[in-house]
Structures are given as structure tokens and as C-alpha cells.
């Protein structure tokens, strides 16, 4: 997908409802579905976080940034994710959180004053975070300088490749040693699963809707 086609598609974005939780659940692990409490419960107790779906042209095609997190003592250690993190007291809004985190993790300089497109918030039971995804895009290739303390690999995936992704089943062994099978997307031997796959699933369906209209 080229930049102008992308922009033309998103000029119609307000005409289409978000695919929402139905699209997210296409990539949800079974245990995630079982653990999901009612919305009326988690909205009262969840911590707030935000991630950024950052798109830009590279080699004539629009790309999206993902990161592989470094290994650390935490639930999401070593996983593929979008740039993002928890809302700090100093953040003016969740959009500000998403932009700040992306700037810090990828060394970018995104203008945080423009209004960004918001996708469907997603609750993550293991970490008790309600994550709001935002979409930002540029007309140029950004300068990246990833923070090596947080980012092990910066992954750039063309949007047309996202449209080609299919949900697969992948076996993984969590820290407790019990092997489980989870739905995932695979790109260049990277397994994208969990909350990231669920958000990516909604974005993929959203791109399909925009492209077909």
C-alpha cells in the first residue's frame, strides 16, 4: 500500500465503525477469553496504558513499526509488541502516553499535538492493563534510534504484508514450564501473539474495510 492510497483510504475513516472486539477475538488465546472479566468489572480496576501503531513510507510502501522487547523480569519480556506503555501522572492523555512511549522507545520525534485515530481499547488480564491503541502516520521515513535498554529488535512490516497475514497456531512454553498453544501471526520468523496479535487483527480487518470501499 503506497502513501497516497493509505491517506485516501483514511480520509474516509469516519464513515466506518471500528471492527472492535469481534476482530480482536479472532487472535485471542482461549485462556484469555476464559480469564476476561465483565467490562463493568475491569473498567473499575484496570491500569491505563496506550500503544502506537506508527505507519510511514519506506521503499515506496507504507510500513508499520513493531518492536521485540528485551528480556526482563516481567509478563511481556521478550515479546513482540507495539511501542507503548503505562500512562504516567505527567501524561496529558492516553494519546500523549502512546506518542511519548514511541518517541522514547524508537527515538522518534512524533508531533503529539495532532489528533490521532483511536482503535478499540483492549483489556489484558495477566497485567491488569486496559490498553488503548492509537494510529499515527507520516508522509516521510522517520529517523529511528531505538532505546537498546527496551528494544531488542525494531521490526518494520509493510502494510500489504499485514493484509496477507493469516492466523496460525503456535506452541510456546511460558515461564511456568507448561506448553500451551496460542493463535498468532508470523512475520520473518517472529511470532506475534497475545494482545499485540489481537490489536493487529483489528487493524488488519480495518485496513480491509477501508481498502474495499
N, C-alpha and C. Protein backbone atom coordinates (compact mmCIF):
# COMPACT_ATOMS: atom_id res chain seq x y z
N UNK A 1 0.84 -1.19 0.00
CA UNK A 1 0.00 0.00 0.00
C UNK A 1 0.88 1.24 0.00
N UNK A 2 0.72 2.08 -1.00
CA UNK A 2 1.51 3.30 -1.12
C UNK A 2 0.91 4.40 -0.24
N UNK A 3 1.72 5.44 0.00
CA UNK A 3 1.32 6.50 0.92
C UNK A 3 0.00 7.14 0.50
N UNK A 4 -0.12 7.52 -0.78
CA UNK A 4 -1.32 8.24 -1.21
C UNK A 4 -2.57 7.36 -1.09
N UNK A 5 -2.43 6.07 -1.41
CA UNK A 5 -3.56 5.16 -1.25
C UNK A 5 -3.97 5.05 0.21
N UNK A 6 -2.95 5.02 1.08
CA UNK A 6 -3.20 4.96 2.53
C UNK A 6 -3.95 6.20 2.99
N UNK A 7 -3.47 7.37 2.60
CA UNK A 7 -4.10 8.63 3.00
C UNK A 7 -5.51 8.72 2.46
N UNK A 8 -5.69 8.34 1.19
CA UNK A 8 -7.03 8.39 0.59
C UNK A 8 -7.99 7.48 1.34
N UNK A 9 -7.50 6.31 1.75
CA UNK A 9 -8.34 5.38 2.50
C UNK A 9 -8.76 5.98 3.83
N UNK A 10 -7.79 6.59 4.53
CA UNK A 10 -8.08 7.10 5.86
C UNK A 10 -8.83 8.43 5.84
N UNK A 11 -8.97 9.03 4.66
CA UNK A 11 -9.81 10.22 4.57
C UNK A 11 -11.28 9.86 4.77
N UNK A 12 -11.58 8.54 4.61
CA UNK A 12 -12.96 8.06 4.78
C UNK A 12 -13.17 7.38 6.12
N UNK A 13 -12.17 7.51 7.02
CA UNK A 13 -12.17 6.69 8.23
C UNK A 13 -13.40 6.91 9.10
N UNK A 14 -13.94 8.12 9.13
CA UNK A 14 -15.08 8.41 10.00
C UNK A 14 -16.38 7.78 9.49
N UNK A 15 -16.35 7.29 8.26
CA UNK A 15 -17.55 6.69 7.68
C UNK A 15 -17.73 5.23 8.11
N UNK A 16 -16.71 4.64 8.71
CA UNK A 16 -16.76 3.22 9.03
C UNK A 16 -16.59 2.98 10.52
N UNK A 17 -17.43 2.13 11.09
CA UNK A 17 -17.24 1.79 12.52
C UNK A 17 -16.02 0.92 12.69
N UNK A 18 -15.41 0.97 13.86
CA UNK A 18 -14.27 0.11 14.15
C UNK A 18 -14.71 -1.36 14.16
N UNK A 19 -13.87 -2.26 13.69
CA UNK A 19 -14.21 -3.69 13.76
C UNK A 19 -14.42 -4.16 15.19
N UNK A 20 -13.68 -3.55 16.14
CA UNK A 20 -13.93 -3.78 17.57
C UNK A 20 -13.48 -5.12 18.09
N UNK A 21 -14.10 -5.52 19.22
CA UNK A 21 -13.68 -6.71 19.94
C UNK A 21 -13.85 -7.98 19.12
N UNK A 22 -14.82 -7.99 18.23
CA UNK A 22 -15.04 -9.18 17.40
C UNK A 22 -13.79 -9.48 16.59
N UNK A 23 -13.16 -8.45 16.02
CA UNK A 23 -11.94 -8.63 15.24
C UNK A 23 -10.77 -8.97 16.15
N UNK A 24 -10.71 -8.38 17.34
CA UNK A 24 -9.63 -8.69 18.28
C UNK A 24 -9.67 -10.16 18.71
N UNK A 25 -10.87 -10.66 18.96
CA UNK A 25 -11.01 -12.02 19.48
C UNK A 25 -10.62 -13.09 18.47
N UNK A 26 -10.51 -12.72 17.19
CA UNK A 26 -10.05 -13.69 16.19
C UNK A 26 -8.66 -14.20 16.52
N UNK A 27 -7.86 -13.37 17.21
CA UNK A 27 -6.49 -13.75 17.55
C UNK A 27 -6.29 -13.92 19.05
N UNK A 28 -7.37 -14.15 19.78
CA UNK A 28 -7.28 -14.27 21.24
C UNK A 28 -7.01 -15.70 21.68
N UNK A 29 -6.04 -15.92 22.56
CA UNK A 29 -5.85 -17.26 23.14
C UNK A 29 -7.09 -17.68 23.93
N UNK A 30 -7.37 -18.98 23.97
CA UNK A 30 -8.56 -19.46 24.67
C UNK A 30 -8.53 -19.08 26.15
N UNK A 31 -7.35 -19.15 26.77
CA UNK A 31 -7.28 -18.80 28.19
C UNK A 31 -7.56 -17.32 28.41
N UNK A 32 -7.22 -16.49 27.41
CA UNK A 32 -7.50 -15.06 27.51
C UNK A 32 -9.01 -14.82 27.53
N UNK A 33 -9.71 -15.56 26.69
CA UNK A 33 -11.16 -15.42 26.62
C UNK A 33 -11.79 -15.88 27.94
N UNK A 34 -11.26 -16.99 28.51
CA UNK A 34 -11.80 -17.51 29.77
C UNK A 34 -11.52 -16.56 30.93
N UNK A 35 -10.36 -15.89 30.90
CA UNK A 35 -9.97 -15.02 32.01
C UNK A 35 -10.63 -13.64 31.95
N UNK A 36 -11.23 -13.30 30.83
CA UNK A 36 -11.75 -11.95 30.64
C UNK A 36 -12.94 -11.69 31.55
N UNK A 37 -12.81 -10.78 32.52
CA UNK A 37 -13.94 -10.45 33.38
C UNK A 37 -14.91 -9.53 32.64
N UNK A 38 -16.10 -9.32 33.17
CA UNK A 38 -17.05 -8.39 32.54
C UNK A 38 -16.45 -6.98 32.46
N UNK A 39 -16.83 -6.25 31.44
CA UNK A 39 -16.32 -4.89 31.26
C UNK A 39 -16.61 -4.02 32.47
N UNK A 40 -17.76 -4.21 33.08
CA UNK A 40 -18.13 -3.39 34.25
C UNK A 40 -17.18 -3.61 35.42
N UNK A 41 -16.48 -4.75 35.42
CA UNK A 41 -15.52 -5.06 36.48
C UNK A 41 -14.15 -4.46 36.18
N UNK A 42 -13.61 -4.78 35.00
CA UNK A 42 -12.23 -4.36 34.74
C UNK A 42 -12.09 -2.85 34.51
N UNK A 43 -13.16 -2.19 34.09
CA UNK A 43 -13.07 -0.74 33.91
C UNK A 43 -12.83 -0.02 35.23
N UNK A 44 -13.22 -0.66 36.33
CA UNK A 44 -13.05 -0.04 37.64
C UNK A 44 -11.65 -0.24 38.21
N UNK A 45 -10.98 -1.31 37.80
CA UNK A 45 -9.72 -1.68 38.46
C UNK A 45 -8.50 -1.63 37.55
N UNK A 46 -8.70 -1.57 36.24
CA UNK A 46 -7.57 -1.67 35.31
C UNK A 46 -6.68 -0.44 35.33
N UNK A 47 -5.39 -0.67 35.17
CA UNK A 47 -4.43 0.41 34.98
C UNK A 47 -4.48 0.83 33.50
N UNK A 48 -4.17 2.08 33.24
CA UNK A 48 -4.29 2.61 31.89
C UNK A 48 -2.94 2.56 31.16
N UNK A 49 -3.00 2.17 29.90
CA UNK A 49 -1.81 2.15 29.05
C UNK A 49 -2.23 2.47 27.61
N UNK A 50 -1.24 2.74 26.78
CA UNK A 50 -1.52 3.06 25.37
C UNK A 50 -0.37 2.59 24.51
N UNK A 51 -0.69 2.21 23.27
CA UNK A 51 0.33 1.83 22.31
C UNK A 51 0.10 2.61 21.02
N UNK A 52 1.15 2.66 20.19
CA UNK A 52 1.07 3.43 18.94
C UNK A 52 1.30 2.52 17.75
N UNK A 53 0.37 2.55 16.81
CA UNK A 53 0.54 1.91 15.51
C UNK A 53 1.11 3.00 14.60
N UNK A 54 2.41 2.97 14.38
CA UNK A 54 3.12 4.04 13.69
C UNK A 54 3.42 3.61 12.27
N UNK A 55 2.82 4.34 11.29
CA UNK A 55 2.93 3.98 9.88
C UNK A 55 3.66 5.08 9.11
N UNK A 56 4.40 4.67 8.08
CA UNK A 56 5.22 5.62 7.32
C UNK A 56 5.69 4.94 6.03
N UNK A 57 6.08 5.73 5.02
CA UNK A 57 6.55 5.14 3.77
C UNK A 57 8.01 4.71 3.86
N UNK A 58 8.30 3.57 3.25
CA UNK A 58 9.66 3.07 3.14
C UNK A 58 9.76 2.27 1.84
N UNK A 59 10.65 2.68 0.96
CA UNK A 59 10.79 1.98 -0.32
C UNK A 59 9.52 2.02 -1.15
N UNK A 60 8.76 3.08 -1.03
CA UNK A 60 7.54 3.23 -1.83
C UNK A 60 6.30 2.58 -1.24
N UNK A 61 6.45 1.87 -0.10
CA UNK A 61 5.31 1.20 0.53
C UNK A 61 5.17 1.65 1.98
N UNK A 62 3.93 1.74 2.45
CA UNK A 62 3.69 2.09 3.84
C UNK A 62 4.06 0.91 4.74
N UNK A 63 4.73 1.22 5.84
CA UNK A 63 5.17 0.22 6.81
C UNK A 63 4.60 0.54 8.19
N UNK A 64 4.64 -0.46 9.05
CA UNK A 64 4.22 -0.34 10.45
C UNK A 64 5.36 -0.81 11.33
N UNK A 65 5.61 -0.07 12.43
CA UNK A 65 6.66 -0.46 13.37
C UNK A 65 6.14 -1.38 14.47
N UNK A 66 6.88 -2.46 14.69
CA UNK A 66 6.72 -3.31 15.86
C UNK A 66 8.08 -3.41 16.54
N UNK A 67 8.10 -3.79 17.78
CA UNK A 67 9.36 -3.99 18.48
C UNK A 67 9.36 -5.34 19.17
N UNK A 68 10.56 -5.92 19.29
CA UNK A 68 10.73 -7.08 20.16
C UNK A 68 11.37 -6.55 21.44
N UNK A 69 10.69 -6.74 22.55
CA UNK A 69 11.19 -6.21 23.82
C UNK A 69 12.38 -7.02 24.32
N UNK A 70 13.24 -6.35 25.05
CA UNK A 70 14.38 -7.03 25.65
C UNK A 70 13.89 -7.97 26.76
N UNK A 71 14.76 -8.86 27.18
CA UNK A 71 14.44 -9.79 28.25
C UNK A 71 14.51 -9.07 29.61
N UNK A 72 13.48 -9.24 30.41
CA UNK A 72 13.45 -8.62 31.74
C UNK A 72 12.50 -9.40 32.63
N UNK A 73 12.47 -9.06 33.91
CA UNK A 73 11.56 -9.73 34.85
C UNK A 73 10.18 -9.11 34.72
N UNK A 74 9.35 -9.69 33.88
CA UNK A 74 8.02 -9.14 33.67
C UNK A 74 7.19 -10.02 32.76
N UNK A 75 5.88 -9.73 32.72
CA UNK A 75 4.93 -10.56 31.97
C UNK A 75 5.23 -10.55 30.47
N UNK A 76 5.66 -9.41 29.94
CA UNK A 76 5.79 -9.27 28.49
C UNK A 76 7.24 -9.30 28.02
N UNK A 77 8.12 -9.88 28.83
CA UNK A 77 9.54 -9.97 28.49
C UNK A 77 9.74 -10.70 27.16
N UNK A 78 10.56 -10.10 26.27
CA UNK A 78 10.95 -10.74 25.02
C UNK A 78 9.85 -10.86 23.98
N UNK A 79 8.70 -10.27 24.22
CA UNK A 79 7.58 -10.42 23.29
C UNK A 79 7.61 -9.34 22.21
N UNK A 80 6.92 -9.64 21.10
CA UNK A 80 6.70 -8.65 20.05
C UNK A 80 5.54 -7.75 20.48
N UNK A 81 5.73 -6.45 20.34
CA UNK A 81 4.68 -5.53 20.76
C UNK A 81 4.72 -4.27 19.93
N UNK A 82 3.73 -3.43 20.13
CA UNK A 82 3.77 -2.08 19.59
C UNK A 82 4.51 -1.19 20.58
N UNK A 83 5.14 -0.11 20.12
CA UNK A 83 5.70 0.84 21.07
C UNK A 83 4.59 1.35 21.98
N UNK A 84 4.86 1.42 23.27
CA UNK A 84 3.83 1.89 24.19
C UNK A 84 4.15 1.53 25.62
N UNK A 85 3.24 1.90 26.51
CA UNK A 85 3.45 1.61 27.92
C UNK A 85 2.37 2.23 28.78
N UNK A 86 2.60 2.22 30.08
CA UNK A 86 1.58 2.70 31.02
C UNK A 86 1.50 4.22 31.03
N UNK A 87 0.35 4.72 31.38
CA UNK A 87 0.15 6.16 31.50
C UNK A 87 0.81 6.67 32.77
N UNK A 88 1.63 7.72 32.61
CA UNK A 88 2.29 8.36 33.74
C UNK A 88 1.45 9.54 34.21
N UNK A 89 1.67 9.95 35.45
CA UNK A 89 0.91 11.08 36.01
C UNK A 89 1.10 12.35 35.20
N UNK A 90 2.27 12.49 34.59
CA UNK A 90 2.57 13.70 33.82
C UNK A 90 1.95 13.70 32.43
N UNK A 91 1.41 12.56 31.98
CA UNK A 91 0.81 12.48 30.65
C UNK A 91 -0.53 13.21 30.62
N UNK A 92 -0.73 14.02 29.61
CA UNK A 92 -1.96 14.80 29.49
C UNK A 92 -3.15 13.94 29.08
N UNK A 93 -2.87 12.85 28.38
CA UNK A 93 -3.91 11.96 27.87
C UNK A 93 -3.28 10.64 27.48
N UNK A 94 -4.11 9.67 27.14
CA UNK A 94 -3.59 8.38 26.67
C UNK A 94 -2.90 8.54 25.32
N UNK A 95 -3.39 9.45 24.49
CA UNK A 95 -2.70 9.72 23.23
C UNK A 95 -1.28 10.22 23.51
N UNK A 96 -1.15 11.08 24.49
CA UNK A 96 0.17 11.59 24.87
C UNK A 96 1.06 10.44 25.35
N UNK A 97 0.47 9.50 26.08
CA UNK A 97 1.22 8.33 26.53
C UNK A 97 1.78 7.55 25.35
N UNK A 98 0.92 7.27 24.36
CA UNK A 98 1.34 6.48 23.20
C UNK A 98 2.46 7.17 22.43
N UNK A 99 2.32 8.46 22.21
CA UNK A 99 3.34 9.22 21.46
C UNK A 99 4.64 9.30 22.26
N UNK A 100 4.54 9.60 23.56
CA UNK A 100 5.74 9.71 24.40
C UNK A 100 6.52 8.40 24.41
N UNK A 101 5.79 7.29 24.61
CA UNK A 101 6.45 5.98 24.67
C UNK A 101 7.12 5.63 23.34
N UNK A 102 6.46 5.92 22.23
CA UNK A 102 7.05 5.63 20.92
C UNK A 102 8.30 6.48 20.71
N UNK A 103 8.22 7.75 21.08
CA UNK A 103 9.39 8.62 20.95
C UNK A 103 10.55 8.11 21.79
N UNK A 104 10.24 7.63 23.00
CA UNK A 104 11.30 7.14 23.89
C UNK A 104 11.88 5.81 23.41
N UNK A 105 11.02 4.90 22.97
CA UNK A 105 11.48 3.55 22.63
C UNK A 105 12.15 3.48 21.26
N UNK A 106 11.62 4.23 20.29
CA UNK A 106 12.17 4.18 18.94
C UNK A 106 13.00 5.41 18.58
N UNK A 107 13.09 6.36 19.50
CA UNK A 107 13.90 7.55 19.24
C UNK A 107 13.33 8.44 18.17
N UNK A 108 12.02 8.44 18.02
CA UNK A 108 11.35 9.25 17.00
C UNK A 108 10.99 10.63 17.57
N UNK A 109 10.43 11.47 16.70
CA UNK A 109 10.02 12.81 17.13
C UNK A 109 8.63 13.09 16.57
N UNK A 110 7.65 12.33 17.04
CA UNK A 110 6.27 12.46 16.56
C UNK A 110 5.62 13.67 17.20
N UNK A 111 4.90 14.42 16.40
CA UNK A 111 4.17 15.58 16.91
C UNK A 111 2.97 15.08 17.71
N UNK A 112 2.99 15.32 19.02
CA UNK A 112 1.92 14.83 19.88
C UNK A 112 0.69 15.71 19.94
N UNK A 113 0.69 16.85 19.21
CA UNK A 113 -0.43 17.78 19.29
C UNK A 113 -1.55 17.45 18.30
N UNK A 114 -1.24 16.71 17.25
CA UNK A 114 -2.27 16.39 16.27
C UNK A 114 -3.19 15.29 16.81
N UNK A 115 -4.44 15.30 16.38
CA UNK A 115 -5.39 14.30 16.84
C UNK A 115 -5.17 12.99 16.11
N UNK A 116 -5.00 11.92 16.86
CA UNK A 116 -4.75 10.61 16.27
C UNK A 116 -6.01 9.76 16.24
N UNK A 117 -6.01 8.76 15.38
CA UNK A 117 -7.13 7.82 15.29
C UNK A 117 -6.99 6.80 16.40
N UNK A 118 -8.07 6.56 17.13
CA UNK A 118 -8.06 5.60 18.24
C UNK A 118 -8.77 4.32 17.82
N UNK A 119 -8.13 3.18 18.08
CA UNK A 119 -8.77 1.88 17.86
C UNK A 119 -9.43 1.42 19.17
N UNK A 120 -9.91 0.19 19.21
CA UNK A 120 -10.69 -0.31 20.34
C UNK A 120 -9.79 -0.66 21.52
N UNK A 121 -10.06 -0.12 22.71
CA UNK A 121 -9.28 -0.48 23.90
C UNK A 121 -9.37 -1.98 24.18
N UNK A 122 -8.27 -2.53 24.70
CA UNK A 122 -8.18 -3.97 24.96
C UNK A 122 -7.71 -4.20 26.39
N UNK A 123 -8.44 -5.03 27.13
CA UNK A 123 -8.04 -5.36 28.49
C UNK A 123 -7.14 -6.58 28.48
N UNK A 124 -6.03 -6.51 29.24
CA UNK A 124 -5.06 -7.61 29.32
C UNK A 124 -5.07 -8.15 30.75
N UNK A 125 -5.74 -9.28 31.00
CA UNK A 125 -5.87 -9.82 32.36
C UNK A 125 -4.55 -10.09 33.09
N UNK A 126 -3.52 -10.69 32.44
CA UNK A 126 -2.31 -11.01 33.20
C UNK A 126 -1.63 -9.82 33.86
N UNK A 127 -1.70 -8.65 33.20
CA UNK A 127 -1.05 -7.45 33.75
C UNK A 127 -2.04 -6.41 34.25
N UNK A 128 -3.34 -6.68 34.10
CA UNK A 128 -4.40 -5.77 34.55
C UNK A 128 -4.28 -4.38 33.92
N UNK A 129 -3.97 -4.35 32.62
CA UNK A 129 -3.90 -3.08 31.90
C UNK A 129 -5.03 -3.01 30.88
N UNK A 130 -5.63 -1.83 30.77
CA UNK A 130 -6.55 -1.53 29.68
C UNK A 130 -5.75 -0.69 28.69
N UNK A 131 -5.46 -1.28 27.53
CA UNK A 131 -4.58 -0.66 26.54
C UNK A 131 -5.39 -0.02 25.42
N UNK A 132 -5.14 1.26 25.18
CA UNK A 132 -5.79 1.96 24.07
C UNK A 132 -4.80 2.11 22.93
N UNK A 133 -5.10 1.56 21.75
CA UNK A 133 -4.21 1.71 20.59
C UNK A 133 -4.54 3.00 19.82
N UNK A 134 -3.51 3.70 19.39
CA UNK A 134 -3.66 4.89 18.55
C UNK A 134 -2.89 4.68 17.25
N UNK A 135 -3.38 5.32 16.19
CA UNK A 135 -2.73 5.23 14.89
C UNK A 135 -2.16 6.60 14.51
N UNK A 136 -0.88 6.61 14.15
CA UNK A 136 -0.23 7.82 13.65
C UNK A 136 0.48 7.48 12.35
N UNK A 137 0.52 8.42 11.39
CA UNK A 137 1.24 8.14 10.16
C UNK A 137 1.95 9.40 9.67
N UNK A 138 3.03 9.16 8.92
CA UNK A 138 3.86 10.23 8.38
C UNK A 138 3.89 10.14 6.86
N UNK A 139 4.30 11.24 6.22
CA UNK A 139 4.48 11.26 4.77
C UNK A 139 5.94 11.03 4.40
N UNK A 140 6.80 10.79 5.41
CA UNK A 140 8.23 10.62 5.19
C UNK A 140 8.73 9.47 6.06
N UNK A 141 9.93 8.98 5.74
CA UNK A 141 10.53 7.93 6.55
C UNK A 141 11.17 8.56 7.79
N UNK A 142 10.74 8.17 8.99
CA UNK A 142 11.25 8.79 10.20
C UNK A 142 12.71 8.40 10.49
N UNK A 143 13.34 9.20 11.31
CA UNK A 143 14.66 8.85 11.83
C UNK A 143 14.46 8.03 13.09
N UNK A 144 15.00 6.81 13.13
CA UNK A 144 14.85 5.93 14.28
C UNK A 144 16.18 5.79 15.02
N UNK A 145 16.08 5.75 16.33
CA UNK A 145 17.23 5.48 17.18
C UNK A 145 16.72 4.70 18.39
N UNK A 146 16.45 3.39 18.22
CA UNK A 146 15.82 2.60 19.28
C UNK A 146 16.62 2.60 20.58
N UNK A 147 15.88 2.62 21.69
CA UNK A 147 16.48 2.52 23.02
C UNK A 147 16.83 1.06 23.27
N UNK A 148 18.12 0.75 23.27
CA UNK A 148 18.56 -0.64 23.37
C UNK A 148 18.26 -1.26 24.73
N UNK A 149 17.92 -0.44 25.72
CA UNK A 149 17.55 -0.99 27.02
C UNK A 149 16.16 -1.62 26.96
N UNK A 150 15.32 -1.16 26.04
CA UNK A 150 13.94 -1.65 25.94
C UNK A 150 13.65 -2.41 24.66
N UNK A 151 14.38 -2.09 23.61
CA UNK A 151 14.09 -2.65 22.28
C UNK A 151 15.23 -3.55 21.82
N UNK A 152 14.95 -4.83 21.69
CA UNK A 152 15.95 -5.77 21.19
C UNK A 152 16.01 -5.73 19.67
N UNK A 153 14.83 -5.65 19.02
CA UNK A 153 14.76 -5.61 17.55
C UNK A 153 13.65 -4.65 17.14
N UNK A 154 13.93 -3.80 16.16
CA UNK A 154 12.91 -2.95 15.55
C UNK A 154 12.44 -3.64 14.28
N UNK A 155 11.16 -3.99 14.24
CA UNK A 155 10.59 -4.73 13.12
C UNK A 155 9.72 -3.79 12.29
N UNK A 156 9.99 -3.73 10.99
CA UNK A 156 9.21 -2.88 10.09
C UNK A 156 8.48 -3.79 9.09
N UNK A 157 7.16 -3.77 9.15
CA UNK A 157 6.37 -4.67 8.32
C UNK A 157 5.52 -3.87 7.33
N UNK A 158 5.61 -4.17 6.02
CA UNK A 158 4.78 -3.46 5.04
C UNK A 158 3.29 -3.74 5.28
N UNK A 159 2.47 -2.73 5.06
CA UNK A 159 1.03 -2.92 5.30
C UNK A 159 0.44 -3.97 4.38
N UNK A 160 0.96 -4.11 3.16
CA UNK A 160 0.40 -5.15 2.29
C UNK A 160 0.70 -6.55 2.84
N UNK A 161 1.80 -6.68 3.60
CA UNK A 161 2.09 -7.95 4.24
C UNK A 161 1.12 -8.23 5.39
N UNK A 162 0.71 -7.16 6.09
CA UNK A 162 -0.28 -7.33 7.16
C UNK A 162 -1.58 -7.88 6.57
N UNK A 163 -1.97 -7.36 5.41
CA UNK A 163 -3.19 -7.83 4.77
C UNK A 163 -3.09 -9.29 4.35
N UNK A 164 -1.87 -9.78 4.16
CA UNK A 164 -1.67 -11.18 3.76
C UNK A 164 -1.54 -12.13 4.94
N UNK A 165 -1.37 -11.60 6.15
CA UNK A 165 -1.16 -12.45 7.31
C UNK A 165 -2.39 -13.32 7.60
N UNK A 166 -2.13 -14.54 8.01
CA UNK A 166 -3.19 -15.46 8.41
C UNK A 166 -2.92 -15.92 9.84
N UNK A 167 -3.98 -16.16 10.59
CA UNK A 167 -3.82 -16.63 11.96
C UNK A 167 -3.37 -18.09 11.94
N UNK A 168 -2.30 -18.35 12.68
CA UNK A 168 -1.75 -19.69 12.80
C UNK A 168 -1.81 -20.11 14.27
N UNK A 169 -1.50 -21.37 14.52
CA UNK A 169 -1.40 -21.87 15.89
C UNK A 169 0.06 -22.15 16.20
N UNK A 170 0.51 -21.64 17.33
CA UNK A 170 1.92 -21.78 17.70
C UNK A 170 2.03 -22.28 19.14
N UNK A 171 2.91 -23.25 19.35
CA UNK A 171 3.13 -23.77 20.70
C UNK A 171 4.25 -22.99 21.36
N UNK A 172 4.00 -22.55 22.56
CA UNK A 172 5.05 -21.86 23.31
C UNK A 172 5.07 -22.36 24.74
N UNK A 173 6.22 -22.17 25.37
CA UNK A 173 6.42 -22.65 26.72
C UNK A 173 6.61 -21.46 27.65
N UNK A 174 5.58 -21.10 28.41
CA UNK A 174 5.70 -19.97 29.33
C UNK A 174 6.69 -20.26 30.45
N UNK A 175 6.93 -19.27 31.29
CA UNK A 175 7.93 -19.40 32.34
C UNK A 175 7.60 -20.51 33.34
N UNK A 176 6.32 -20.88 33.46
CA UNK A 176 5.93 -21.93 34.40
C UNK A 176 6.22 -23.32 33.87
N UNK A 177 6.64 -23.40 32.60
CA UNK A 177 7.04 -24.69 32.05
C UNK A 177 5.93 -25.48 31.39
N UNK A 178 4.72 -24.98 31.37
CA UNK A 178 3.60 -25.69 30.76
C UNK A 178 3.42 -25.20 29.33
N UNK A 179 3.51 -26.12 28.38
CA UNK A 179 3.37 -25.76 26.97
C UNK A 179 1.91 -25.47 26.65
N UNK A 180 1.68 -24.36 25.94
CA UNK A 180 0.33 -24.01 25.53
C UNK A 180 0.34 -23.66 24.04
N UNK A 181 -0.83 -23.73 23.44
CA UNK A 181 -0.98 -23.39 22.03
C UNK A 181 -1.75 -22.10 21.92
N UNK A 182 -1.23 -21.15 21.14
CA UNK A 182 -1.86 -19.84 21.02
C UNK A 182 -2.01 -19.46 19.55
N UNK A 183 -3.05 -18.70 19.21
CA UNK A 183 -3.14 -18.15 17.86
C UNK A 183 -2.11 -17.04 17.70
N UNK A 184 -1.56 -16.93 16.51
CA UNK A 184 -0.54 -15.91 16.29
C UNK A 184 -0.45 -15.56 14.82
N UNK A 185 0.26 -14.47 14.54
CA UNK A 185 0.70 -14.14 13.19
C UNK A 185 2.20 -14.37 13.15
N UNK A 186 2.70 -14.79 12.01
CA UNK A 186 4.14 -14.98 11.85
C UNK A 186 4.66 -14.06 10.76
N UNK A 187 5.70 -13.30 11.10
CA UNK A 187 6.36 -12.45 10.11
C UNK A 187 7.86 -12.54 10.30
N UNK A 188 8.56 -13.00 9.27
CA UNK A 188 10.02 -13.16 9.31
C UNK A 188 10.48 -13.90 10.57
N UNK A 189 9.82 -15.01 10.84
CA UNK A 189 10.15 -15.88 11.99
C UNK A 189 9.86 -15.24 13.34
N UNK A 190 9.16 -14.13 13.34
CA UNK A 190 8.72 -13.51 14.60
C UNK A 190 7.28 -13.95 14.88
N UNK A 191 7.03 -14.45 16.09
CA UNK A 191 5.69 -14.87 16.48
C UNK A 191 5.00 -13.71 17.20
N UNK A 192 3.91 -13.26 16.60
CA UNK A 192 3.15 -12.13 17.15
C UNK A 192 1.88 -12.69 17.76
N UNK A 193 1.77 -12.65 19.07
CA UNK A 193 0.63 -13.27 19.74
C UNK A 193 0.16 -12.40 20.90
N UNK A 194 -0.88 -12.87 21.59
CA UNK A 194 -1.38 -12.14 22.74
C UNK A 194 -2.04 -10.83 22.36
N UNK A 195 -1.87 -9.82 23.21
CA UNK A 195 -2.53 -8.53 22.99
C UNK A 195 -2.11 -7.89 21.69
N UNK A 196 -0.82 -8.04 21.33
CA UNK A 196 -0.34 -7.43 20.08
C UNK A 196 -1.04 -8.04 18.88
N UNK A 197 -1.20 -9.36 18.87
CA UNK A 197 -1.90 -10.01 17.76
C UNK A 197 -3.37 -9.59 17.72
N UNK A 198 -3.98 -9.41 18.88
CA UNK A 198 -5.39 -9.02 18.92
C UNK A 198 -5.58 -7.61 18.37
N UNK A 199 -4.68 -6.69 18.73
CA UNK A 199 -4.76 -5.33 18.20
C UNK A 199 -4.45 -5.33 16.71
N UNK A 200 -3.44 -6.11 16.31
CA UNK A 200 -3.09 -6.21 14.89
C UNK A 200 -4.23 -6.81 14.08
N UNK A 201 -4.96 -7.73 14.68
CA UNK A 201 -6.10 -8.34 14.00
C UNK A 201 -7.18 -7.30 13.69
N UNK A 202 -7.46 -6.43 14.66
CA UNK A 202 -8.44 -5.37 14.40
C UNK A 202 -7.93 -4.43 13.32
N UNK A 203 -6.65 -4.06 13.38
CA UNK A 203 -6.07 -3.16 12.38
C UNK A 203 -6.14 -3.79 10.99
N UNK A 204 -5.85 -5.08 10.89
CA UNK A 204 -5.92 -5.79 9.62
C UNK A 204 -7.33 -5.75 9.04
N UNK A 205 -8.34 -6.04 9.85
CA UNK A 205 -9.73 -6.01 9.39
C UNK A 205 -10.11 -4.58 8.99
N UNK A 206 -9.63 -3.60 9.76
CA UNK A 206 -9.91 -2.20 9.47
C UNK A 206 -9.32 -1.81 8.11
N UNK A 207 -8.08 -2.21 7.84
CA UNK A 207 -7.46 -1.93 6.55
C UNK A 207 -8.26 -2.58 5.41
N UNK A 208 -8.73 -3.79 5.64
CA UNK A 208 -9.52 -4.49 4.62
C UNK A 208 -10.81 -3.73 4.33
N UNK A 209 -11.46 -3.23 5.38
CA UNK A 209 -12.70 -2.47 5.20
C UNK A 209 -12.45 -1.19 4.41
N UNK A 210 -11.39 -0.46 4.77
CA UNK A 210 -11.08 0.79 4.10
C UNK A 210 -10.71 0.56 2.65
N UNK A 211 -9.95 -0.50 2.39
CA UNK A 211 -9.49 -0.77 1.03
C UNK A 211 -10.63 -1.18 0.11
N UNK A 212 -11.66 -1.83 0.68
CA UNK A 212 -12.75 -2.33 -0.14
C UNK A 212 -13.84 -1.29 -0.41
N UNK A 213 -13.69 -0.08 0.16
CA UNK A 213 -14.71 0.97 -0.03
C UNK A 213 -14.11 2.19 -0.69
